[in-house]
Protein backbone atom coordinates (compact mmCIF):
# COMPACT_ATOMS: atom_id res chain seq x y z
CA MET A 1 57.09 -139.40 -79.70
CA LEU A 2 58.54 -141.12 -76.63
CA ILE A 3 62.24 -141.91 -76.46
CA VAL A 4 63.00 -144.79 -74.09
CA MET A 5 66.55 -144.85 -72.74
CA GLU A 6 68.57 -147.93 -71.86
CA LEU A 7 68.56 -149.11 -68.26
CA ASN A 8 72.19 -148.00 -67.81
CA ALA A 9 71.95 -144.74 -69.78
CA THR A 10 74.07 -141.99 -68.25
CA ALA A 11 72.97 -138.46 -67.45
CA LYS A 12 75.29 -137.24 -70.22
CA GLN A 13 73.56 -139.49 -72.77
CA VAL A 14 70.14 -138.25 -71.65
CA ARG A 15 71.28 -134.62 -72.03
CA ARG A 16 72.63 -135.37 -75.52
CA VAL A 17 69.27 -136.75 -76.62
CA GLN A 18 67.55 -133.65 -75.23
CA GLU A 19 69.94 -131.42 -77.18
CA VAL A 20 69.24 -133.25 -80.45
CA VAL A 21 65.47 -133.01 -79.90
CA GLU A 22 65.71 -129.28 -79.17
CA ASP A 23 67.91 -128.76 -82.25
CA MET A 24 64.96 -130.15 -84.24
CA GLY A 25 62.83 -127.29 -82.92
CA LEU A 26 60.91 -129.55 -80.51
CA GLN A 27 60.56 -129.77 -76.74
CA ALA A 28 62.21 -132.53 -74.72
CA ALA A 29 60.49 -133.53 -71.47
CA PRO A 30 62.47 -136.04 -69.35
CA ILE A 31 60.29 -138.56 -67.53
CA PRO A 32 62.36 -140.28 -64.83
CA GLY A 33 61.17 -143.79 -63.95
CA SER A 34 61.97 -146.28 -61.24
CA GLU A 35 64.08 -148.35 -63.66
CA ARG A 36 64.86 -146.20 -66.69
CA THR A 37 64.42 -142.66 -68.03
CA ALA A 38 62.17 -141.76 -70.94
CA ILE A 39 62.07 -138.49 -72.86
CA GLY A 40 58.82 -137.13 -74.23
CA VAL A 41 59.00 -135.18 -77.49
CA LEU A 42 56.45 -132.37 -77.67
CA GLY A 43 55.58 -129.58 -80.06
CA ASN A 44 55.41 -131.57 -83.27
CA GLN A 45 52.53 -130.98 -85.69
CA GLY A 46 53.00 -134.29 -87.51
CA TYR A 47 55.26 -137.31 -87.77
CA VAL A 48 58.72 -136.90 -86.23
CA ASP A 49 61.64 -138.38 -88.17
CA ASP A 50 63.59 -140.28 -85.50
CA THR A 51 66.63 -141.00 -87.69
CA ALA A 52 68.85 -138.56 -85.78
CA ILE A 53 67.74 -139.96 -82.45
CA ARG A 54 67.36 -143.73 -82.54
CA ASN A 55 71.09 -144.46 -82.98
CA LEU A 56 72.31 -142.12 -80.25
CA PRO A 57 74.20 -143.79 -77.38
CA GLY A 58 71.86 -144.87 -74.59
CA VAL A 59 68.67 -144.89 -76.69
CA ARG A 60 66.71 -148.13 -76.51
CA GLU A 61 63.74 -147.32 -78.75
CA CYS A 62 61.54 -144.53 -80.14
CA ILE A 63 57.77 -144.92 -79.75
CA HIS A 64 55.52 -142.75 -81.90
CA VAL A 65 52.45 -141.53 -79.99
CA SER A 66 49.55 -140.29 -82.09
CA LYS A 67 47.24 -139.26 -79.24
CA PRO A 68 46.48 -135.52 -78.83
CA PHE A 69 47.26 -135.99 -75.13
CA LYS A 70 50.75 -137.21 -74.35
CA LEU A 71 51.89 -136.12 -70.90
CA VAL A 72 48.75 -137.49 -69.23
CA SER A 73 48.89 -140.80 -71.10
CA ARG A 74 50.41 -144.02 -69.84
CA ASP A 75 52.52 -144.14 -73.01
CA PHE A 76 54.58 -141.26 -71.61
CA HIS A 77 54.07 -142.02 -67.92
CA PRO A 78 53.47 -145.75 -67.23
CA GLY A 79 53.40 -145.35 -63.45
CA SER A 80 50.31 -144.03 -61.65
CA THR A 81 50.39 -140.48 -60.28
CA ILE A 82 49.61 -139.91 -56.60
CA VAL A 83 48.29 -136.41 -55.92
CA GLU A 84 49.20 -135.18 -52.44
CA ILE A 85 47.09 -132.58 -50.63
CA GLY A 86 48.66 -132.11 -47.23
CA ASP A 87 48.49 -135.53 -45.58
CA LEU A 88 45.83 -136.70 -48.05
CA ARG A 89 46.94 -138.85 -50.98
CA ILE A 90 44.73 -139.56 -54.01
CA GLY A 91 45.52 -142.25 -56.53
CA GLU A 92 46.38 -145.87 -57.20
CA GLY A 93 46.76 -147.98 -54.07
CA MET A 94 45.55 -145.20 -51.77
CA ALA A 95 42.39 -145.30 -49.66
CA PRO A 96 39.39 -143.88 -51.59
CA VAL A 97 38.81 -140.22 -50.75
CA VAL A 98 35.40 -138.77 -49.94
CA ILE A 99 34.88 -135.07 -50.68
CA ALA A 100 31.68 -133.72 -49.14
CA GLY A 101 29.87 -130.50 -48.39
CA PRO A 102 27.16 -128.22 -49.76
CA CYS A 103 26.84 -127.12 -53.36
CA SER A 104 26.83 -123.43 -52.35
CA ILE A 105 28.23 -121.60 -49.36
CA GLU A 106 25.26 -119.77 -47.84
CA SER A 107 26.39 -118.67 -44.37
CA ILE A 108 29.05 -119.36 -41.78
CA ASP A 109 26.54 -121.30 -39.66
CA GLN A 110 25.61 -123.50 -42.63
CA MET A 111 29.25 -124.17 -43.56
CA THR A 112 30.31 -124.87 -39.98
CA ALA A 113 27.42 -127.30 -39.50
CA ALA A 114 28.19 -129.04 -42.77
CA ALA A 115 31.91 -129.26 -41.95
CA ARG A 116 31.25 -130.81 -38.55
CA THR A 117 28.79 -133.29 -40.06
CA VAL A 118 31.04 -134.56 -42.84
CA LYS A 119 34.13 -134.60 -40.60
CA LYS A 120 32.35 -136.67 -37.96
CA ALA A 121 31.14 -139.13 -40.60
CA GLY A 122 34.69 -139.57 -41.93
CA ALA A 123 34.96 -137.42 -45.08
CA SER A 124 38.48 -136.44 -46.10
CA MET A 125 37.89 -133.06 -47.77
CA LEU A 126 35.32 -130.26 -47.46
CA ARG A 127 33.68 -128.79 -50.57
CA GLY A 128 31.61 -125.63 -51.02
CA GLY A 129 30.91 -123.26 -53.89
CA ALA A 130 31.63 -119.54 -53.58
CA PHE A 131 31.36 -118.79 -57.31
CA LYS A 132 28.47 -120.67 -58.90
CA PRO A 133 28.02 -121.09 -62.68
CA ARG A 134 24.23 -121.42 -62.91
CA THR A 135 22.19 -122.16 -66.02
CA GLY A 136 19.88 -119.20 -65.37
CA PRO A 137 21.15 -115.69 -64.52
CA HIS A 138 18.51 -115.22 -61.83
CA SER A 139 19.62 -118.22 -59.76
CA PHE A 140 21.86 -117.82 -56.71
CA GLN A 141 25.37 -117.11 -57.99
CA GLY A 142 27.31 -117.58 -54.75
CA LEU A 143 28.84 -115.26 -52.13
CA GLY A 144 32.21 -114.74 -53.83
CA GLU A 145 35.21 -113.95 -51.65
CA LYS A 146 33.00 -113.66 -48.59
CA GLY A 147 32.03 -117.29 -49.14
CA LEU A 148 35.67 -118.31 -49.60
CA LYS A 149 36.49 -116.96 -46.15
CA MET A 150 33.61 -118.95 -44.65
CA LEU A 151 34.80 -122.13 -46.36
CA ARG A 152 38.35 -121.66 -45.10
CA GLN A 153 37.14 -120.91 -41.58
CA ALA A 154 34.93 -123.99 -41.49
CA GLY A 155 37.68 -126.20 -42.87
CA ASP A 156 40.19 -124.93 -40.34
CA GLN A 157 37.76 -125.50 -37.47
CA VAL A 158 37.45 -129.20 -38.22
CA GLY A 159 40.94 -129.71 -39.67
CA MET A 160 40.00 -130.56 -43.27
CA PRO A 161 41.45 -129.39 -46.60
CA VAL A 162 38.93 -127.50 -48.73
CA ILE A 163 38.06 -127.40 -52.42
CA THR A 164 36.07 -124.83 -54.38
CA GLU A 165 35.44 -123.92 -57.99
CA VAL A 166 37.24 -121.18 -59.89
CA MET A 167 35.42 -119.84 -62.95
CA ARG A 168 37.65 -117.07 -64.29
CA ILE A 169 41.35 -116.20 -64.34
CA GLU A 170 40.77 -113.05 -62.30
CA GLN A 171 39.35 -115.19 -59.45
CA LEU A 172 42.51 -117.27 -59.12
CA ASP A 173 44.35 -115.10 -56.59
CA ALA A 174 41.39 -115.09 -54.20
CA VAL A 175 40.58 -118.79 -54.59
CA CYS A 176 44.23 -119.82 -54.13
CA ARG A 177 44.39 -117.70 -50.99
CA TYR A 178 41.63 -119.70 -49.28
CA SER A 179 41.38 -123.09 -51.01
CA ASP A 180 43.69 -126.11 -50.97
CA VAL A 181 42.38 -127.45 -54.30
CA LEU A 182 41.10 -125.64 -57.40
CA GLN A 183 38.04 -127.13 -59.07
CA ILE A 184 37.50 -126.59 -62.78
CA GLY A 185 33.81 -127.21 -63.43
CA ALA A 186 32.20 -128.99 -66.36
CA ARG A 187 31.31 -125.74 -68.11
CA ASN A 188 34.94 -124.62 -67.99
CA MET A 189 36.59 -127.89 -69.01
CA GLN A 190 37.59 -126.35 -72.35
CA ASN A 191 38.29 -122.85 -71.07
CA PHE A 192 41.85 -123.23 -72.34
CA ASP A 193 43.13 -119.89 -71.03
CA LEU A 194 41.98 -120.84 -67.53
CA LEU A 195 43.49 -124.32 -67.86
CA LYS A 196 46.85 -122.83 -68.83
CA GLU A 197 46.80 -120.44 -65.87
CA VAL A 198 46.08 -123.16 -63.29
CA GLY A 199 48.78 -125.22 -65.01
CA ARG A 200 51.32 -122.57 -64.05
CA LEU A 201 50.41 -122.87 -60.37
CA ASP A 202 51.54 -125.39 -57.77
CA THR A 203 48.00 -125.86 -56.44
CA PRO A 204 46.25 -129.23 -57.00
CA VAL A 205 43.44 -129.18 -59.56
CA LEU A 206 40.24 -131.20 -59.79
CA LEU A 207 39.12 -131.19 -63.43
CA LYS A 208 35.51 -132.16 -64.13
CA ARG A 209 34.47 -133.72 -67.41
CA GLY A 210 32.38 -131.46 -69.64
CA MET A 211 28.78 -132.51 -70.02
CA SER A 212 29.26 -133.21 -73.76
CA ALA A 213 32.97 -134.08 -73.74
CA THR A 214 34.45 -137.24 -75.19
CA VAL A 215 37.12 -139.11 -73.26
CA GLU A 216 39.73 -137.80 -75.70
CA GLU A 217 38.59 -134.19 -75.15
CA PHE A 218 38.58 -134.74 -71.37
CA LEU A 219 42.17 -135.98 -71.34
CA ALA A 220 43.24 -133.29 -73.80
CA ALA A 221 41.90 -130.69 -71.36
CA ALA A 222 44.01 -132.25 -68.59
CA GLU A 223 46.97 -132.09 -70.99
CA TYR A 224 46.66 -128.29 -71.08
CA ILE A 225 47.24 -128.18 -67.32
CA VAL A 226 50.05 -130.73 -67.16
CA ALA A 227 51.82 -129.21 -70.19
CA GLU A 228 52.25 -125.97 -68.21
CA GLY A 229 54.01 -127.82 -65.39
CA ASN A 230 51.27 -128.66 -62.88
CA GLU A 231 51.09 -132.46 -62.61
CA ARG A 232 48.83 -132.43 -59.54
CA VAL A 233 45.62 -133.11 -61.45
CA VAL A 234 42.66 -135.24 -60.36
CA LEU A 235 40.01 -136.08 -62.96
CA CYS A 236 36.31 -136.17 -62.09
CA GLU A 237 33.49 -137.91 -63.96
CA ARG A 238 30.23 -136.05 -63.24
CA GLY A 239 27.86 -137.40 -65.87
CA ILE A 240 27.29 -136.48 -69.50
CA ARG A 241 24.29 -135.10 -71.36
CA THR A 242 22.31 -137.70 -73.31
CA PHE A 243 18.72 -138.00 -74.53
CA GLU A 244 17.69 -139.43 -71.13
CA ARG A 245 15.82 -136.93 -68.91
CA ALA A 246 14.94 -139.17 -65.94
CA THR A 247 18.20 -138.17 -64.27
CA ARG A 248 20.03 -134.85 -64.39
CA ASN A 249 22.84 -136.40 -66.46
CA THR A 250 23.90 -139.90 -67.45
CA LEU A 251 26.67 -141.18 -65.19
CA ASP A 252 29.28 -142.83 -67.43
CA LEU A 253 30.99 -145.22 -65.04
CA SER A 254 32.64 -147.07 -67.92
CA VAL A 255 34.95 -144.10 -68.25
CA VAL A 256 36.57 -144.88 -64.87
CA PRO A 257 38.35 -148.14 -65.78
CA LEU A 258 38.92 -146.81 -69.32
CA ILE A 259 40.73 -143.70 -68.13
CA ARG A 260 42.71 -145.76 -65.63
CA GLU A 261 43.99 -147.74 -68.63
CA MET A 262 44.70 -144.65 -70.72
CA SER A 263 46.02 -142.17 -68.15
CA HIS A 264 48.18 -142.16 -65.03
CA LEU A 265 46.06 -139.43 -63.38
CA PRO A 266 43.67 -140.41 -60.56
CA ILE A 267 39.93 -140.21 -61.24
CA ILE A 268 36.99 -139.72 -58.87
CA VAL A 269 33.21 -139.62 -59.45
CA ASP A 270 30.55 -137.02 -58.56
CA PRO A 271 27.25 -138.96 -58.29
CA SER A 272 25.34 -135.92 -57.00
CA HIS A 273 25.64 -133.84 -60.17
CA ALA A 274 25.45 -136.96 -62.33
CA THR A 275 22.06 -138.14 -61.06
CA GLY A 276 20.46 -135.04 -59.52
CA LEU A 277 18.51 -137.30 -57.16
CA ARG A 278 19.58 -137.92 -53.58
CA SER A 279 18.01 -141.39 -53.58
CA LEU A 280 20.48 -142.46 -56.29
CA VAL A 281 23.61 -140.93 -54.75
CA PRO A 282 24.41 -143.75 -52.28
CA VAL A 283 24.14 -146.61 -54.77
CA MET A 284 26.07 -144.75 -57.48
CA SER A 285 28.77 -143.83 -54.94
CA LYS A 286 29.25 -147.51 -54.22
CA ALA A 287 29.14 -148.36 -57.91
CA ALA A 288 31.88 -145.78 -58.51
CA LEU A 289 34.23 -147.51 -56.06
CA VAL A 290 33.48 -150.90 -57.60
CA ALA A 291 34.32 -149.43 -61.02
CA GLY A 292 37.72 -148.41 -59.65
CA ALA A 293 37.27 -144.73 -58.83
CA HIS A 294 39.84 -143.29 -56.44
CA GLY A 295 37.09 -141.47 -54.55
CA VAL A 296 33.72 -139.73 -54.71
CA MET A 297 32.46 -136.19 -54.32
CA VAL A 298 29.06 -135.94 -52.60
CA GLU A 299 26.86 -132.94 -51.83
CA VAL A 300 25.82 -132.71 -48.18
CA HIS A 301 23.67 -129.94 -46.67
CA PRO A 302 22.50 -129.49 -43.05
CA ASP A 303 18.94 -128.89 -44.33
CA PRO A 304 18.56 -129.83 -48.01
CA ALA A 305 14.97 -128.57 -48.16
CA LYS A 306 16.23 -125.03 -47.55
CA ALA A 307 19.33 -125.22 -49.77
CA LEU A 308 19.78 -122.31 -52.18
CA CYS A 309 21.32 -124.65 -54.75
CA ASP A 310 20.81 -128.33 -55.68
CA GLY A 311 18.88 -129.35 -52.58
CA ALA A 312 17.22 -132.24 -54.44
CA GLN A 313 20.56 -134.02 -54.86
CA SER A 314 22.03 -133.22 -51.44
CA LEU A 315 22.18 -135.66 -48.55
CA ASP A 316 21.48 -134.60 -44.98
CA GLY A 317 23.70 -135.58 -42.06
CA PRO A 318 22.12 -138.95 -41.17
CA ALA A 319 21.97 -140.03 -44.83
CA PHE A 320 25.62 -139.15 -45.34
CA GLU A 321 26.68 -140.97 -42.19
CA SER A 322 24.80 -144.04 -43.42
CA LEU A 323 26.52 -143.77 -46.80
CA MET A 324 29.95 -143.54 -45.17
CA ASN A 325 29.27 -146.69 -43.15
CA GLU A 326 28.31 -148.51 -46.34
CA LEU A 327 31.38 -147.21 -48.16
CA ARG A 328 33.64 -148.40 -45.34
CA GLY A 329 32.28 -151.90 -45.66
CA LEU A 330 32.65 -151.84 -49.43
CA ALA A 331 36.16 -150.38 -49.30
CA ALA A 332 37.21 -153.11 -46.87
CA TYR A 333 35.83 -155.73 -49.24
CA LEU A 334 37.82 -154.13 -52.07
CA GLY A 335 40.98 -154.19 -49.94
CA HIS A 336 41.09 -150.56 -48.76
CA ASP A 337 40.54 -148.56 -45.61
CA LEU A 338 38.32 -145.51 -45.93
């Protein structure tokens, strides 16, 4: 339930409403707004009787919310969230972000070359995987903490924030030490223990949609993070598994405007993992911005033919530079700088 306070409600009246909610054995989460305060009621397993609340001084109305996700919904939070990562801002009204870099960190030379390439082309964040969840156990699994150090070094050299995936709770200390943003991959979208742990941190989180997840399940996963106190969450559509085998996954771009209607959290798109084909990455990157995505995440490798992971979907330097030039023109047409 959402309790909307009057425009002139006092702090004392807001506290009184919170006390009544807590006396009912529920949680009260104040949501300050530009014009009025709202109070989210959490912890209920069914319908909440609002009799004791709706006539309290300062209460304008009580809105019953039936969604399994509340804190990430626009019912609770009508305004759009802007996620800040240093000087970078992701969200409504901000310039689209471009996150780029190799799927896996292979060496310091590879990461440095990739960082220089994407920085020169105009990317805003450097990506690279140190811990790799691979379908087969014999595939390259990443360099671990050694790779994290390489990623941090490369990012610092070119002055870019870095993002990498965390797979398990015990990796959090190391990943937080070196990375500016924590990525929760598709396979871990419903790893609820991990979601709760990153929710207790102050580090921004990029949450990827699970390959078989519905929109409701995707937003409910984000709710786990926000409910623990971390509101710095960016959603990422990366394709879902369907009967179609011509592409690696099926990129569901319809989810971008839909989630923008349903949630206040920013959403970006990963066309590399969605399509699995480098020839499709540029056009789907542009389509993502047209659909309203707040950015894209693209895999870029200095020499894709020699990549230890996902070379077929990685762009090389010239292809990425060409893509960035096209995205600049498109962003300008859409009313943004890139």
